[in-house]
N, C-alpha and C. Protein backbone atom coordinates (compact mmCIF):
# COMPACT_ATOMS: atom_id res chain seq x y z
N MET A 1 91.32 236.75 64.56
CA MET A 1 91.11 235.56 65.20
C MET A 1 91.59 234.43 64.22
N THR A 2 92.29 233.43 64.69
CA THR A 2 92.80 232.35 63.93
C THR A 2 91.90 231.14 64.15
N LEU A 3 91.44 230.50 63.04
CA LEU A 3 90.58 229.38 63.15
C LEU A 3 91.32 228.05 63.55
N LEU A 4 92.56 227.99 63.20
CA LEU A 4 93.36 226.83 63.55
C LEU A 4 94.38 227.06 64.62
N SER A 5 94.59 226.22 65.58
CA SER A 5 95.64 226.40 66.54
C SER A 5 96.94 226.22 65.87
N GLY A 6 98.04 226.63 66.56
CA GLY A 6 99.36 226.58 66.00
C GLY A 6 99.81 225.19 65.64
N SER A 7 99.42 224.23 66.43
CA SER A 7 99.80 222.81 66.14
C SER A 7 98.98 222.28 65.03
N ASP A 8 97.66 222.62 64.91
CA ASP A 8 96.83 222.25 63.77
C ASP A 8 97.36 222.82 62.47
N ARG A 9 97.66 224.14 62.51
CA ARG A 9 98.13 224.81 61.30
C ARG A 9 99.46 224.17 60.85
N ALA A 10 100.40 223.78 61.83
CA ALA A 10 101.66 223.16 61.41
C ALA A 10 101.37 221.77 60.77
N TYR A 11 100.44 221.04 61.30
CA TYR A 11 100.05 219.79 60.73
C TYR A 11 99.56 219.86 59.35
N VAL A 12 98.70 220.88 59.12
CA VAL A 12 98.04 221.09 57.73
C VAL A 12 99.14 221.54 56.76
N ARG A 13 100.11 222.43 57.23
CA ARG A 13 101.19 222.82 56.32
C ARG A 13 102.05 221.62 55.99
N ASP A 14 102.38 220.79 56.91
CA ASP A 14 103.19 219.54 56.67
C ASP A 14 102.50 218.68 55.66
N THR A 15 101.17 218.48 55.86
CA THR A 15 100.37 217.64 54.99
C THR A 15 100.34 218.20 53.56
N ALA A 16 100.20 219.52 53.48
CA ALA A 16 100.15 220.17 52.20
C ALA A 16 101.50 219.93 51.44
N GLU A 17 102.56 220.02 52.17
CA GLU A 17 103.83 219.97 51.61
C GLU A 17 104.21 218.46 51.06
N THR A 18 103.55 217.50 51.65
CA THR A 18 103.71 216.09 51.21
C THR A 18 103.14 215.89 49.84
N SER A 19 102.29 216.87 49.36
CA SER A 19 101.68 216.74 48.04
C SER A 19 102.54 217.42 46.98
N PHE A 20 103.69 218.01 47.37
CA PHE A 20 104.56 218.72 46.42
C PHE A 20 105.43 217.63 45.76
N SER A 21 105.00 217.17 44.61
CA SER A 21 105.71 216.06 43.91
C SER A 21 106.73 216.60 42.90
N ASP A 22 106.78 217.92 42.70
CA ASP A 22 107.72 218.48 41.68
C ASP A 22 108.65 219.36 42.42
N THR A 23 109.70 219.85 41.71
CA THR A 23 110.58 220.88 42.12
C THR A 23 110.70 221.91 41.04
N CYS A 24 111.01 223.16 41.47
CA CYS A 24 111.19 224.25 40.49
C CYS A 24 112.17 225.16 40.85
N ASN A 25 112.64 225.91 39.90
CA ASN A 25 113.61 227.07 40.14
C ASN A 25 112.81 228.37 39.93
N ILE A 26 113.03 229.28 40.82
CA ILE A 26 112.37 230.62 40.65
C ILE A 26 113.44 231.64 40.26
N PHE A 27 113.12 232.40 39.15
CA PHE A 27 114.01 233.39 38.63
C PHE A 27 113.47 234.80 38.86
N ARG A 28 114.33 235.73 39.09
CA ARG A 28 113.96 237.13 39.17
C ARG A 28 114.73 238.05 38.25
N ASN A 29 114.12 239.06 37.70
CA ASN A 29 114.80 239.92 36.83
C ASN A 29 115.48 241.08 37.57
N GLU A 30 116.69 241.24 37.33
CA GLU A 30 117.46 242.39 37.96
C GLU A 30 118.12 243.08 36.83
N PRO A 31 117.40 244.08 36.23
CA PRO A 31 117.97 244.80 35.10
C PRO A 31 119.40 245.37 35.35
N THR A 32 120.24 245.22 34.40
CA THR A 32 121.57 245.80 34.54
C THR A 32 121.81 246.79 33.43
N GLU A 33 122.67 247.75 33.58
CA GLU A 33 122.95 248.80 32.62
C GLU A 33 123.60 248.03 31.37
N ASP A 34 123.15 248.49 30.14
CA ASP A 34 123.69 247.86 28.96
C ASP A 34 124.89 248.58 28.32
N GLY A 35 125.27 249.67 28.95
CA GLY A 35 126.49 250.37 28.47
C GLY A 35 126.10 251.47 27.40
N GLN A 36 124.83 251.48 27.07
CA GLN A 36 124.31 252.38 25.98
C GLN A 36 123.27 253.29 26.49
N GLY A 37 123.26 253.43 27.81
CA GLY A 37 122.22 254.27 28.44
C GLY A 37 120.88 253.69 28.72
N GLY A 38 120.82 252.37 28.47
CA GLY A 38 119.58 251.66 28.77
C GLY A 38 119.90 250.52 29.74
N PHE A 39 118.91 249.57 29.77
CA PHE A 39 119.02 248.43 30.72
C PHE A 39 118.75 247.16 29.91
N ALA A 40 119.38 246.11 30.36
CA ALA A 40 119.09 244.82 29.74
C ALA A 40 118.60 243.88 30.87
N ASP A 41 117.68 242.92 30.50
CA ASP A 41 117.13 242.05 31.47
C ASP A 41 118.22 240.99 31.89
N GLU A 42 118.30 240.82 33.16
CA GLU A 42 119.29 239.83 33.74
C GLU A 42 118.50 238.92 34.67
N TRP A 43 118.11 237.75 34.19
CA TRP A 43 117.38 236.78 34.97
C TRP A 43 118.27 235.87 35.79
N SER A 44 118.07 235.77 36.98
CA SER A 44 118.98 234.90 37.80
C SER A 44 118.10 234.02 38.78
N ILE A 45 118.51 232.90 39.07
CA ILE A 45 117.85 232.03 40.08
C ILE A 45 117.87 232.65 41.47
N VAL A 46 116.77 232.89 42.04
CA VAL A 46 116.72 233.35 43.45
C VAL A 46 116.42 232.25 44.44
N TRP A 47 115.69 231.23 43.91
CA TRP A 47 115.31 230.07 44.78
C TRP A 47 115.48 228.85 43.88
N ALA A 48 116.31 227.90 44.28
CA ALA A 48 116.53 226.66 43.44
C ALA A 48 115.89 225.48 44.16
N GLU A 49 115.42 224.50 43.32
CA GLU A 49 114.85 223.26 43.74
C GLU A 49 113.79 223.42 44.90
N VAL A 50 112.87 224.26 44.59
CA VAL A 50 111.80 224.54 45.51
C VAL A 50 110.69 223.45 45.36
N PRO A 51 110.41 222.72 46.47
CA PRO A 51 109.29 221.72 46.35
C PRO A 51 108.04 222.42 45.96
N CYS A 52 107.34 221.79 45.05
CA CYS A 52 106.05 222.48 44.54
C CYS A 52 105.10 221.41 43.92
N ARG A 53 103.98 221.80 43.62
CA ARG A 53 103.03 221.03 42.78
C ARG A 53 102.61 221.81 41.60
N PHE A 54 102.84 221.34 40.38
CA PHE A 54 102.56 222.04 39.16
C PHE A 54 101.42 221.39 38.49
N SER A 55 100.36 222.17 38.08
CA SER A 55 99.22 221.60 37.41
C SER A 55 98.57 222.54 36.51
N LEU A 56 97.88 222.04 35.52
CA LEU A 56 97.10 222.85 34.57
C LEU A 56 95.85 223.42 35.30
N ALA A 57 95.66 224.75 35.19
CA ALA A 57 94.55 225.41 35.83
C ALA A 57 93.44 225.66 34.84
N SER A 58 93.71 226.11 33.60
CA SER A 58 92.67 226.29 32.57
C SER A 58 93.35 226.20 31.20
N ASN A 59 92.51 225.82 30.26
CA ASN A 59 92.98 225.59 28.87
C ASN A 59 91.86 226.10 27.92
N ARG A 60 92.02 227.22 27.33
CA ARG A 60 90.91 227.75 26.52
C ARG A 60 91.52 228.36 25.15
N THR A 61 90.58 228.49 24.30
CA THR A 61 90.88 229.06 22.99
C THR A 61 89.97 230.35 22.76
N SER A 62 90.62 231.41 22.31
CA SER A 62 89.86 232.65 22.09
C SER A 62 90.16 233.20 20.76
N ALA A 63 89.16 233.87 20.25
CA ALA A 63 89.30 234.54 18.89
C ALA A 63 89.78 235.93 19.19
N VAL A 64 90.98 236.29 18.57
CA VAL A 64 91.52 237.65 18.69
C VAL A 64 91.72 238.18 17.33
N GLY A 65 90.91 239.24 16.89
CA GLY A 65 91.05 239.68 15.59
C GLY A 65 90.56 238.64 14.62
N GLU A 66 91.39 238.37 13.62
CA GLU A 66 91.07 237.34 12.71
C GLU A 66 91.77 236.08 13.02
N GLY A 67 92.41 235.97 14.22
CA GLY A 67 93.18 234.80 14.57
C GLY A 67 92.56 234.09 15.80
N ILE A 68 93.20 232.97 16.10
CA ILE A 68 92.72 232.23 17.29
C ILE A 68 93.97 232.12 18.22
N VAL A 69 93.75 232.36 19.52
CA VAL A 69 94.77 232.31 20.48
C VAL A 69 94.49 231.20 21.50
N HIS A 70 95.45 230.34 21.70
CA HIS A 70 95.30 229.24 22.70
C HIS A 70 96.03 229.71 23.94
N VAL A 71 95.30 229.75 25.07
CA VAL A 71 95.79 230.29 26.34
C VAL A 71 95.72 229.11 27.40
N GLN A 72 96.88 228.87 27.99
CA GLN A 72 96.91 227.88 29.06
C GLN A 72 97.42 228.55 30.34
N GLN A 73 96.74 228.39 31.42
CA GLN A 73 97.18 228.88 32.73
C GLN A 73 97.48 227.68 33.55
N PHE A 74 98.52 227.81 34.34
CA PHE A 74 98.99 226.75 35.21
C PHE A 74 98.94 227.21 36.65
N ARG A 75 98.86 226.26 37.62
CA ARG A 75 98.89 226.64 39.08
C ARG A 75 100.16 225.99 39.64
N LEU A 76 100.79 226.86 40.46
CA LEU A 76 101.95 226.31 41.18
C LEU A 76 101.67 226.42 42.63
N SER A 77 101.68 225.35 43.38
CA SER A 77 101.51 225.38 44.85
C SER A 77 102.85 225.20 45.46
N ILE A 78 103.13 226.09 46.47
CA ILE A 78 104.45 226.05 47.12
C ILE A 78 104.18 226.30 48.65
N ALA A 79 105.19 226.09 49.43
CA ALA A 79 105.10 226.29 50.89
C ALA A 79 104.52 227.70 51.18
N TYR A 80 103.78 227.83 52.24
CA TYR A 80 103.15 229.09 52.62
C TYR A 80 104.14 230.19 52.78
N ASP A 81 105.38 229.91 53.15
CA ASP A 81 106.39 230.94 53.47
C ASP A 81 107.40 231.14 52.33
N GLN A 82 107.23 230.43 51.22
CA GLN A 82 108.22 230.57 50.13
C GLN A 82 107.97 231.88 49.34
N GLU A 83 108.95 232.62 49.15
CA GLU A 83 108.78 233.90 48.48
C GLU A 83 108.66 233.74 46.96
N ILE A 84 107.71 234.37 46.38
CA ILE A 84 107.49 234.39 44.97
C ILE A 84 106.67 235.71 44.60
N ARG A 85 107.03 236.33 43.49
CA ARG A 85 106.33 237.66 43.15
C ARG A 85 105.76 237.47 41.76
N VAL A 86 104.77 238.41 41.51
CA VAL A 86 104.35 238.59 40.17
C VAL A 86 105.44 239.09 39.33
N GLY A 87 105.61 238.52 38.16
CA GLY A 87 106.71 238.94 37.30
C GLY A 87 108.01 237.95 37.37
N ASP A 88 107.96 237.21 38.41
CA ASP A 88 109.04 236.20 38.50
C ASP A 88 108.78 235.11 37.39
N ARG A 89 109.88 234.41 37.17
CA ARG A 89 109.73 233.23 36.20
C ARG A 89 110.00 231.97 36.93
N VAL A 90 109.38 230.94 36.40
CA VAL A 90 109.51 229.52 37.05
C VAL A 90 109.90 228.59 35.97
N GLN A 91 110.81 227.77 36.39
CA GLN A 91 111.24 226.62 35.52
C GLN A 91 111.05 225.40 36.31
N ILE A 92 110.28 224.48 35.70
CA ILE A 92 110.08 223.15 36.29
C ILE A 92 111.14 222.24 35.70
N PRO A 93 112.13 221.74 36.46
CA PRO A 93 113.19 220.93 35.92
C PRO A 93 112.78 219.77 35.04
N LEU A 94 111.64 219.15 35.35
CA LEU A 94 111.18 218.08 34.42
C LEU A 94 110.78 218.60 33.10
N ASN A 95 110.39 219.86 33.03
CA ASN A 95 110.05 220.50 31.78
C ASN A 95 111.07 221.62 31.49
N SER A 96 112.35 221.33 31.70
CA SER A 96 113.37 222.39 31.72
C SER A 96 113.44 223.31 30.46
N ALA A 97 112.89 222.84 29.41
CA ALA A 97 112.89 223.71 28.19
C ALA A 97 111.83 224.75 28.25
N GLU A 98 110.87 224.64 29.20
CA GLU A 98 109.82 225.55 29.27
C GLU A 98 109.93 226.44 30.47
N GLU A 99 109.62 227.74 30.39
CA GLU A 99 109.54 228.64 31.47
C GLU A 99 108.20 229.22 31.50
N TYR A 100 107.82 229.67 32.74
CA TYR A 100 106.46 230.24 32.92
C TYR A 100 106.68 231.57 33.71
N GLU A 101 105.73 232.50 33.41
CA GLU A 101 105.79 233.81 34.11
C GLU A 101 104.68 233.86 35.17
N VAL A 102 105.00 234.33 36.36
CA VAL A 102 104.02 234.35 37.44
C VAL A 102 103.09 235.60 37.11
N SER A 103 101.75 235.36 36.98
CA SER A 103 100.87 236.37 36.68
C SER A 103 99.98 236.71 37.96
N GLY A 104 100.08 235.86 38.96
CA GLY A 104 99.29 236.20 40.13
C GLY A 104 99.81 235.33 41.30
N VAL A 105 99.63 235.82 42.57
CA VAL A 105 100.07 235.08 43.68
C VAL A 105 98.90 235.27 44.75
N SER A 106 98.51 234.13 45.37
CA SER A 106 97.56 234.25 46.48
C SER A 106 98.00 233.27 47.56
N ALA A 107 97.74 233.66 48.79
CA ALA A 107 97.99 232.82 49.84
C ALA A 107 96.72 232.05 50.28
N ASN A 108 96.87 230.87 50.71
CA ASN A 108 95.71 230.11 51.17
C ASN A 108 95.05 230.74 52.42
N THR A 109 93.82 230.65 52.56
CA THR A 109 93.19 231.28 53.69
C THR A 109 93.74 231.02 55.07
N PHE A 110 94.24 229.84 55.34
CA PHE A 110 94.77 229.54 56.61
C PHE A 110 96.31 229.52 56.60
N ASP A 111 96.91 230.22 55.61
CA ASP A 111 98.43 230.19 55.57
C ASP A 111 98.99 228.81 55.51
N THR A 112 98.40 227.86 54.76
CA THR A 112 98.92 226.57 54.69
C THR A 112 99.70 226.32 53.39
N ALA A 113 99.42 227.10 52.39
CA ALA A 113 100.16 226.90 51.05
C ALA A 113 100.01 228.31 50.39
N LYS A 114 100.93 228.48 49.39
CA LYS A 114 100.79 229.65 48.57
C LYS A 114 100.61 229.15 47.12
N ARG A 115 99.76 229.85 46.42
CA ARG A 115 99.52 229.47 45.03
C ARG A 115 99.83 230.60 44.10
N ALA A 116 100.47 230.22 43.03
CA ALA A 116 100.82 231.15 41.96
C ALA A 116 100.20 230.77 40.75
N THR A 117 99.68 231.74 39.90
CA THR A 117 99.12 231.46 38.56
C THR A 117 100.25 231.72 37.59
N LEU A 118 100.48 230.85 36.68
CA LEU A 118 101.56 230.90 35.69
C LEU A 118 101.00 230.95 34.30
N ILE A 119 101.77 231.54 33.41
CA ILE A 119 101.47 231.52 31.94
C ILE A 119 102.72 231.08 31.26
N ALA A 120 102.56 230.15 30.33
CA ALA A 120 103.75 229.67 29.62
C ALA A 120 104.35 230.76 28.77
N LEU A 121 105.72 230.83 28.77
CA LEU A 121 106.39 231.71 27.84
C LEU A 121 106.75 230.92 26.64
N ILE A 122 106.31 231.48 25.49
CA ILE A 122 106.58 230.75 24.24
C ILE A 122 107.76 231.42 23.50
């Protein structure tokens, strides 16, 4: 049973998409043979200039062994029907020097937006 009618769901989707103030490129790894019996990572853009909203989700510091690790997780909101997978990489053009790896993907309860959890690649 759907809680929202088709027209209500379309309205909520359109409203959600108006909050997408950023754009991103989504990369996917397609390993290629390296000529030595193994494979090399080959990252290519599968979706370019995707409307999105990029924000910091959590910022924490943890003790690991004798060191300290600083972990930041980010949230990427995109259209409900935009394809994205765990393991994909995301580049936000405004921060083009930085790439992020998708560590989780979840759909909104009413299929109005999709959210991905990202971790910065250092």
